[in-house]
């Protein structure tokens, strides 16, 4: 299982490990994070269909979507929007014939009792 966010990665995987299960990493709006990672990693939503179509031509299997909101994000709306964006990409994948079943929310979610964001808050959005 491997993540990708561009055509070059897909081509390398197709040549070296064509039976890999692929996970499309999407860029999310993580501007409130202490360490935003979407400036560096992840495909934009406008690139996703083209990447998935390219994967299909290479006979690669996409099984899901990955994102990382960056470290220290304290706004539950960021997580809710990232999950909604992932759903959008899932729908594209399903339409293209992929069996989409994995959602990787990455790191960055606060992990202590004192943190302001809880999974319950994100669930309510």
N, C-alpha and C. Protein backbone atom coordinates (compact mmCIF):
# COMPACT_ATOMS: atom_id res chain seq x y z
N UNK A 1 0.85 -1.17 0.00
CA UNK A 1 0.00 0.00 0.00
C UNK A 1 0.90 1.23 0.00
N UNK A 2 0.61 2.16 -0.91
CA UNK A 2 1.43 3.36 -1.03
C UNK A 2 0.56 4.57 -1.32
N UNK A 3 1.02 5.73 -0.88
CA UNK A 3 0.33 6.97 -1.21
C UNK A 3 0.98 7.60 -2.44
N UNK A 4 0.19 8.42 -3.13
CA UNK A 4 0.72 9.17 -4.26
C UNK A 4 -0.03 10.49 -4.36
N UNK A 5 0.61 11.46 -5.00
CA UNK A 5 -0.07 12.73 -5.24
C UNK A 5 0.33 13.37 -6.57
N UNK A 6 0.99 12.56 -7.44
CA UNK A 6 1.34 13.08 -8.76
C UNK A 6 1.56 11.94 -9.76
N UNK A 7 1.61 12.29 -11.03
CA UNK A 7 1.74 11.30 -12.11
C UNK A 7 3.08 10.58 -12.07
N UNK A 8 4.15 11.28 -11.72
CA UNK A 8 5.46 10.66 -11.69
C UNK A 8 5.49 9.48 -10.71
N UNK A 9 4.87 9.65 -9.55
CA UNK A 9 4.82 8.57 -8.57
C UNK A 9 4.03 7.38 -9.11
N UNK A 10 2.92 7.66 -9.79
CA UNK A 10 2.12 6.57 -10.37
C UNK A 10 2.92 5.78 -11.39
N UNK A 11 3.65 6.47 -12.24
CA UNK A 11 4.43 5.79 -13.27
C UNK A 11 5.52 4.92 -12.65
N UNK A 12 6.21 5.44 -11.64
CA UNK A 12 7.24 4.64 -10.95
C UNK A 12 6.65 3.38 -10.33
N UNK A 13 5.53 3.52 -9.67
CA UNK A 13 4.89 2.36 -9.03
C UNK A 13 4.45 1.36 -10.09
N UNK A 14 3.87 1.84 -11.18
CA UNK A 14 3.41 0.93 -12.25
C UNK A 14 4.57 0.12 -12.81
N UNK A 15 5.75 0.71 -12.89
CA UNK A 15 6.91 0.01 -13.44
C UNK A 15 7.53 -0.95 -12.43
N UNK A 16 7.53 -0.59 -11.16
CA UNK A 16 8.25 -1.37 -10.15
C UNK A 16 7.35 -2.31 -9.35
N UNK A 17 6.13 -1.87 -9.03
CA UNK A 17 5.24 -2.67 -8.20
C UNK A 17 3.78 -2.52 -8.68
N UNK A 18 3.46 -3.06 -9.84
CA UNK A 18 2.15 -2.82 -10.45
C UNK A 18 0.95 -3.38 -9.68
N UNK A 19 1.17 -4.23 -8.69
CA UNK A 19 0.06 -4.76 -7.91
C UNK A 19 -0.16 -4.00 -6.60
N UNK A 20 0.53 -2.89 -6.44
CA UNK A 20 0.39 -2.09 -5.22
C UNK A 20 -1.03 -1.56 -5.08
N UNK A 21 -1.47 -1.42 -3.87
CA UNK A 21 -2.73 -0.77 -3.53
C UNK A 21 -2.40 0.70 -3.29
N UNK A 22 -3.04 1.59 -4.05
CA UNK A 22 -2.67 2.99 -4.02
C UNK A 22 -3.70 3.84 -3.25
N UNK A 23 -3.17 4.84 -2.54
CA UNK A 23 -3.99 5.76 -1.76
C UNK A 23 -3.63 7.17 -2.22
N UNK A 24 -4.62 7.89 -2.70
CA UNK A 24 -4.41 9.24 -3.20
C UNK A 24 -4.38 10.24 -2.05
N UNK A 25 -3.24 10.91 -1.90
CA UNK A 25 -3.12 11.92 -0.86
C UNK A 25 -3.60 13.26 -1.41
N UNK A 26 -4.57 13.84 -0.72
CA UNK A 26 -5.11 15.12 -1.16
C UNK A 26 -4.60 16.25 -0.27
N UNK A 27 -4.45 17.41 -0.87
CA UNK A 27 -4.11 18.62 -0.12
C UNK A 27 -5.39 19.16 0.49
N UNK A 28 -5.30 19.60 1.73
CA UNK A 28 -6.46 20.17 2.41
C UNK A 28 -6.12 21.57 2.90
N UNK A 29 -7.14 22.33 3.19
CA UNK A 29 -6.94 23.67 3.70
C UNK A 29 -6.54 23.58 5.17
N UNK A 30 -5.25 23.64 5.43
CA UNK A 30 -4.76 23.50 6.80
C UNK A 30 -4.08 24.78 7.29
N UNK A 31 -4.62 25.92 6.89
CA UNK A 31 -4.01 27.20 7.21
C UNK A 31 -3.96 27.49 8.70
N UNK A 32 -4.81 26.85 9.50
CA UNK A 32 -4.79 27.12 10.94
C UNK A 32 -3.79 26.25 11.70
N UNK A 33 -3.16 25.31 11.03
CA UNK A 33 -2.22 24.41 11.69
C UNK A 33 -0.91 25.12 12.00
N UNK A 34 -0.26 24.66 13.06
CA UNK A 34 1.05 25.21 13.39
C UNK A 34 2.07 24.84 12.32
N UNK A 35 1.92 23.66 11.76
CA UNK A 35 2.81 23.18 10.71
C UNK A 35 1.97 22.67 9.54
N UNK A 36 1.53 23.56 8.65
CA UNK A 36 0.72 23.12 7.51
C UNK A 36 1.54 22.28 6.55
N UNK A 37 0.99 21.14 6.14
CA UNK A 37 1.72 20.24 5.25
C UNK A 37 1.19 20.24 3.82
N UNK A 38 0.02 20.80 3.60
CA UNK A 38 -0.56 20.77 2.26
C UNK A 38 0.17 21.70 1.29
N UNK A 39 1.01 22.59 1.82
CA UNK A 39 1.84 23.40 0.94
C UNK A 39 2.87 22.53 0.23
N UNK A 40 3.19 21.39 0.85
CA UNK A 40 4.26 20.53 0.37
C UNK A 40 3.75 19.20 -0.21
N UNK A 41 2.67 18.65 0.35
CA UNK A 41 2.19 17.33 -0.03
C UNK A 41 0.71 17.37 -0.40
N UNK A 42 0.32 16.50 -1.29
CA UNK A 42 -1.09 16.32 -1.61
C UNK A 42 -1.49 16.93 -2.94
N UNK A 43 -2.39 16.23 -3.62
CA UNK A 43 -2.95 16.70 -4.88
C UNK A 43 -4.14 17.61 -4.60
N UNK A 44 -4.29 18.63 -5.40
CA UNK A 44 -5.46 19.50 -5.26
C UNK A 44 -6.69 18.73 -5.75
N UNK A 45 -7.85 19.15 -5.31
CA UNK A 45 -9.08 18.48 -5.74
C UNK A 45 -9.24 18.55 -7.25
N UNK A 46 -8.78 19.63 -7.86
CA UNK A 46 -8.91 19.76 -9.31
C UNK A 46 -8.01 18.78 -10.07
N UNK A 47 -6.99 18.24 -9.43
CA UNK A 47 -6.08 17.28 -10.07
C UNK A 47 -6.52 15.82 -9.90
N UNK A 48 -7.41 15.56 -8.96
CA UNK A 48 -7.70 14.19 -8.56
C UNK A 48 -8.28 13.32 -9.67
N UNK A 49 -9.25 13.81 -10.41
CA UNK A 49 -9.86 13.01 -11.47
C UNK A 49 -8.80 12.62 -12.49
N UNK A 50 -7.99 13.56 -12.91
CA UNK A 50 -6.96 13.28 -13.91
C UNK A 50 -5.95 12.24 -13.38
N UNK A 51 -5.56 12.37 -12.13
CA UNK A 51 -4.64 11.40 -11.54
C UNK A 51 -5.25 10.01 -11.48
N UNK A 52 -6.51 9.95 -11.11
CA UNK A 52 -7.18 8.65 -11.01
C UNK A 52 -7.39 8.03 -12.40
N UNK A 53 -7.69 8.84 -13.37
CA UNK A 53 -7.81 8.32 -14.74
C UNK A 53 -6.47 7.80 -15.25
N UNK A 54 -5.40 8.51 -14.91
CA UNK A 54 -4.06 8.07 -15.30
C UNK A 54 -3.72 6.74 -14.63
N UNK A 55 -4.03 6.62 -13.35
CA UNK A 55 -3.81 5.36 -12.63
C UNK A 55 -4.55 4.22 -13.31
N UNK A 56 -5.75 4.49 -13.76
CA UNK A 56 -6.56 3.49 -14.45
C UNK A 56 -5.88 3.03 -15.73
N UNK A 57 -5.30 3.98 -16.49
CA UNK A 57 -4.61 3.60 -17.74
C UNK A 57 -3.36 2.77 -17.45
N UNK A 58 -2.80 2.94 -16.27
CA UNK A 58 -1.62 2.17 -15.87
C UNK A 58 -2.00 0.86 -15.18
N UNK A 59 -3.30 0.59 -15.08
CA UNK A 59 -3.82 -0.60 -14.40
C UNK A 59 -3.43 -0.67 -12.92
N UNK A 60 -3.35 0.49 -12.29
CA UNK A 60 -3.08 0.54 -10.85
C UNK A 60 -4.41 0.58 -10.10
N UNK A 61 -4.38 0.05 -8.90
CA UNK A 61 -5.59 -0.06 -8.07
C UNK A 61 -5.57 0.99 -6.97
N UNK A 62 -6.51 1.93 -7.04
CA UNK A 62 -6.65 2.94 -5.99
C UNK A 62 -7.71 2.46 -5.01
N UNK A 63 -7.36 2.42 -3.73
CA UNK A 63 -8.27 1.89 -2.72
C UNK A 63 -8.78 2.95 -1.75
N UNK A 64 -8.22 4.16 -1.80
CA UNK A 64 -8.67 5.15 -0.85
C UNK A 64 -8.00 6.50 -0.98
N UNK A 65 -8.24 7.30 0.06
CA UNK A 65 -7.79 8.69 0.11
C UNK A 65 -7.09 8.93 1.44
N UNK A 66 -6.07 9.76 1.39
CA UNK A 66 -5.32 10.15 2.57
C UNK A 66 -5.22 11.66 2.63
N UNK A 67 -5.21 12.20 3.85
CA UNK A 67 -4.91 13.62 4.03
C UNK A 67 -4.26 13.81 5.39
N UNK A 68 -3.64 14.95 5.58
CA UNK A 68 -3.02 15.32 6.85
C UNK A 68 -3.26 16.81 7.02
N UNK A 69 -3.95 17.18 8.08
CA UNK A 69 -4.29 18.58 8.28
C UNK A 69 -3.14 19.41 8.82
N UNK A 70 -2.00 18.81 9.03
CA UNK A 70 -0.88 19.53 9.61
C UNK A 70 -0.91 19.40 11.11
N UNK A 71 0.21 19.68 11.72
CA UNK A 71 0.31 19.53 13.17
C UNK A 71 -0.24 20.74 13.90
N UNK A 72 -0.92 20.47 14.99
CA UNK A 72 -1.40 21.53 15.85
C UNK A 72 -2.65 22.24 15.35
N UNK A 73 -3.45 21.59 14.54
CA UNK A 73 -4.69 22.20 14.07
C UNK A 73 -5.72 22.17 15.20
N UNK A 74 -6.34 23.30 15.46
CA UNK A 74 -7.32 23.37 16.56
C UNK A 74 -8.72 23.75 16.09
N UNK A 75 -8.94 23.72 14.80
CA UNK A 75 -10.24 24.09 14.26
C UNK A 75 -10.95 22.85 13.73
N UNK A 76 -12.02 22.39 14.39
CA UNK A 76 -12.69 21.17 13.95
C UNK A 76 -13.28 21.28 12.54
N UNK A 77 -13.56 22.50 12.08
CA UNK A 77 -14.10 22.67 10.73
C UNK A 77 -13.10 22.24 9.67
N UNK A 78 -11.82 22.35 9.97
CA UNK A 78 -10.78 21.93 9.01
C UNK A 78 -10.89 20.43 8.77
N UNK A 79 -11.07 19.65 9.85
CA UNK A 79 -11.21 18.19 9.71
C UNK A 79 -12.48 17.83 8.96
N UNK A 80 -13.57 18.51 9.29
CA UNK A 80 -14.84 18.23 8.63
C UNK A 80 -14.74 18.50 7.13
N UNK A 81 -14.10 19.61 6.75
CA UNK A 81 -13.95 19.93 5.33
C UNK A 81 -13.02 18.92 4.65
N UNK A 82 -11.96 18.50 5.33
CA UNK A 82 -11.05 17.52 4.75
C UNK A 82 -11.77 16.19 4.50
N UNK A 83 -12.63 15.80 5.42
CA UNK A 83 -13.40 14.56 5.23
C UNK A 83 -14.39 14.73 4.08
N UNK A 84 -15.02 15.89 3.97
CA UNK A 84 -15.93 16.16 2.85
C UNK A 84 -15.16 16.13 1.52
N UNK A 85 -13.96 16.69 1.50
CA UNK A 85 -13.13 16.65 0.29
C UNK A 85 -12.78 15.21 -0.07
N UNK A 86 -12.44 14.42 0.93
CA UNK A 86 -12.12 13.01 0.70
C UNK A 86 -13.33 12.28 0.13
N UNK A 87 -14.52 12.59 0.63
CA UNK A 87 -15.75 11.97 0.11
C UNK A 87 -15.93 12.29 -1.38
N UNK A 88 -15.65 13.53 -1.74
CA UNK A 88 -15.71 13.96 -3.13
C UNK A 88 -14.78 13.11 -4.00
N UNK A 89 -13.57 12.87 -3.52
CA UNK A 89 -12.59 12.07 -4.26
C UNK A 89 -13.01 10.60 -4.28
N UNK A 90 -13.55 10.10 -3.18
CA UNK A 90 -14.10 8.74 -3.16
C UNK A 90 -15.13 8.58 -4.28
N UNK A 91 -16.02 9.54 -4.40
CA UNK A 91 -17.08 9.46 -5.40
C UNK A 91 -16.50 9.42 -6.82
N UNK A 92 -15.46 10.19 -7.07
CA UNK A 92 -14.79 10.14 -8.37
C UNK A 92 -14.24 8.74 -8.60
N UNK A 93 -13.54 8.21 -7.60
CA UNK A 93 -12.95 6.88 -7.73
C UNK A 93 -13.98 5.80 -7.98
N UNK A 94 -15.08 5.87 -7.25
CA UNK A 94 -16.15 4.88 -7.43
C UNK A 94 -16.72 4.99 -8.85
N UNK A 95 -16.91 6.21 -9.32
CA UNK A 95 -17.41 6.44 -10.68
C UNK A 95 -16.46 5.85 -11.73
N UNK A 96 -15.16 5.89 -11.45
CA UNK A 96 -14.17 5.35 -12.38
C UNK A 96 -13.99 3.84 -12.24
N UNK A 97 -14.67 3.23 -11.27
CA UNK A 97 -14.62 1.78 -11.12
C UNK A 97 -13.68 1.26 -10.05
N UNK A 98 -13.09 2.15 -9.26
CA UNK A 98 -12.23 1.71 -8.17
C UNK A 98 -13.07 1.29 -6.96
N UNK A 99 -12.59 0.31 -6.22
CA UNK A 99 -13.22 -0.12 -4.98
C UNK A 99 -12.59 0.70 -3.85
N UNK A 100 -13.21 1.80 -3.48
CA UNK A 100 -12.67 2.72 -2.50
C UNK A 100 -13.14 2.32 -1.10
N UNK A 101 -12.19 2.02 -0.21
CA UNK A 101 -12.60 1.59 1.13
C UNK A 101 -11.71 2.12 2.25
N UNK A 102 -10.68 2.87 1.95
CA UNK A 102 -9.76 3.33 2.99
C UNK A 102 -9.74 4.85 3.06
N UNK A 103 -9.93 5.39 4.26
CA UNK A 103 -9.75 6.81 4.52
C UNK A 103 -8.70 6.94 5.61
N UNK A 104 -7.57 7.55 5.25
CA UNK A 104 -6.47 7.76 6.18
C UNK A 104 -6.46 9.24 6.55
N UNK A 105 -6.80 9.56 7.81
CA UNK A 105 -6.86 10.96 8.23
C UNK A 105 -5.50 11.48 8.68
N UNK A 106 -4.46 10.68 8.51
CA UNK A 106 -3.11 11.15 8.80
C UNK A 106 -2.91 11.54 10.24
N UNK A 107 -1.91 12.35 10.46
CA UNK A 107 -1.62 12.83 11.80
C UNK A 107 -2.15 14.24 11.97
N UNK A 108 -1.74 14.87 13.04
CA UNK A 108 -2.11 16.25 13.27
C UNK A 108 -3.28 16.44 14.20
N UNK A 109 -4.09 15.39 14.39
CA UNK A 109 -5.23 15.54 15.28
C UNK A 109 -4.73 15.66 16.71
N UNK A 110 -5.18 16.68 17.45
CA UNK A 110 -4.71 16.84 18.84
C UNK A 110 -4.93 15.55 19.64
N UNK A 111 -3.99 15.26 20.52
CA UNK A 111 -4.06 13.98 21.19
C UNK A 111 -4.04 13.99 22.70
N UNK A 112 -4.38 15.08 23.33
CA UNK A 112 -4.42 15.09 24.78
C UNK A 112 -5.79 15.56 25.27
N UNK A 113 -6.08 15.31 26.51
CA UNK A 113 -7.36 15.70 27.10
C UNK A 113 -7.54 17.22 27.06
N UNK A 114 -6.46 17.96 27.15
CA UNK A 114 -6.54 19.42 27.18
C UNK A 114 -6.79 20.04 25.82
N UNK A 115 -6.65 19.28 24.75
CA UNK A 115 -6.82 19.85 23.42
C UNK A 115 -8.24 20.33 23.19
N UNK A 116 -8.37 21.35 22.35
CA UNK A 116 -9.66 22.00 22.11
C UNK A 116 -10.56 21.22 21.15
N UNK A 117 -9.98 20.41 20.26
CA UNK A 117 -10.76 19.71 19.25
C UNK A 117 -10.97 18.27 19.67
N UNK A 118 -12.20 17.79 19.55
CA UNK A 118 -12.50 16.37 19.84
C UNK A 118 -13.13 15.72 18.61
N UNK A 119 -13.03 14.41 18.53
CA UNK A 119 -13.66 13.71 17.42
C UNK A 119 -15.16 13.96 17.42
N UNK A 120 -15.75 14.08 18.60
CA UNK A 120 -17.17 14.33 18.70
C UNK A 120 -17.57 15.66 18.05
N UNK A 121 -16.72 16.68 18.22
CA UNK A 121 -16.99 17.98 17.59
C UNK A 121 -16.94 17.86 16.06
N UNK A 122 -15.96 17.16 15.56
CA UNK A 122 -15.84 16.97 14.12
C UNK A 122 -17.05 16.19 13.59
N UNK A 123 -17.46 15.19 14.33
CA UNK A 123 -18.59 14.35 13.93
C UNK A 123 -19.87 15.19 13.82
N UNK A 124 -20.03 16.19 14.67
CA UNK A 124 -21.23 17.02 14.69
C UNK A 124 -21.31 17.98 13.51
N UNK A 125 -20.17 18.25 12.87
CA UNK A 125 -20.13 19.24 11.77
C UNK A 125 -20.64 18.66 10.53
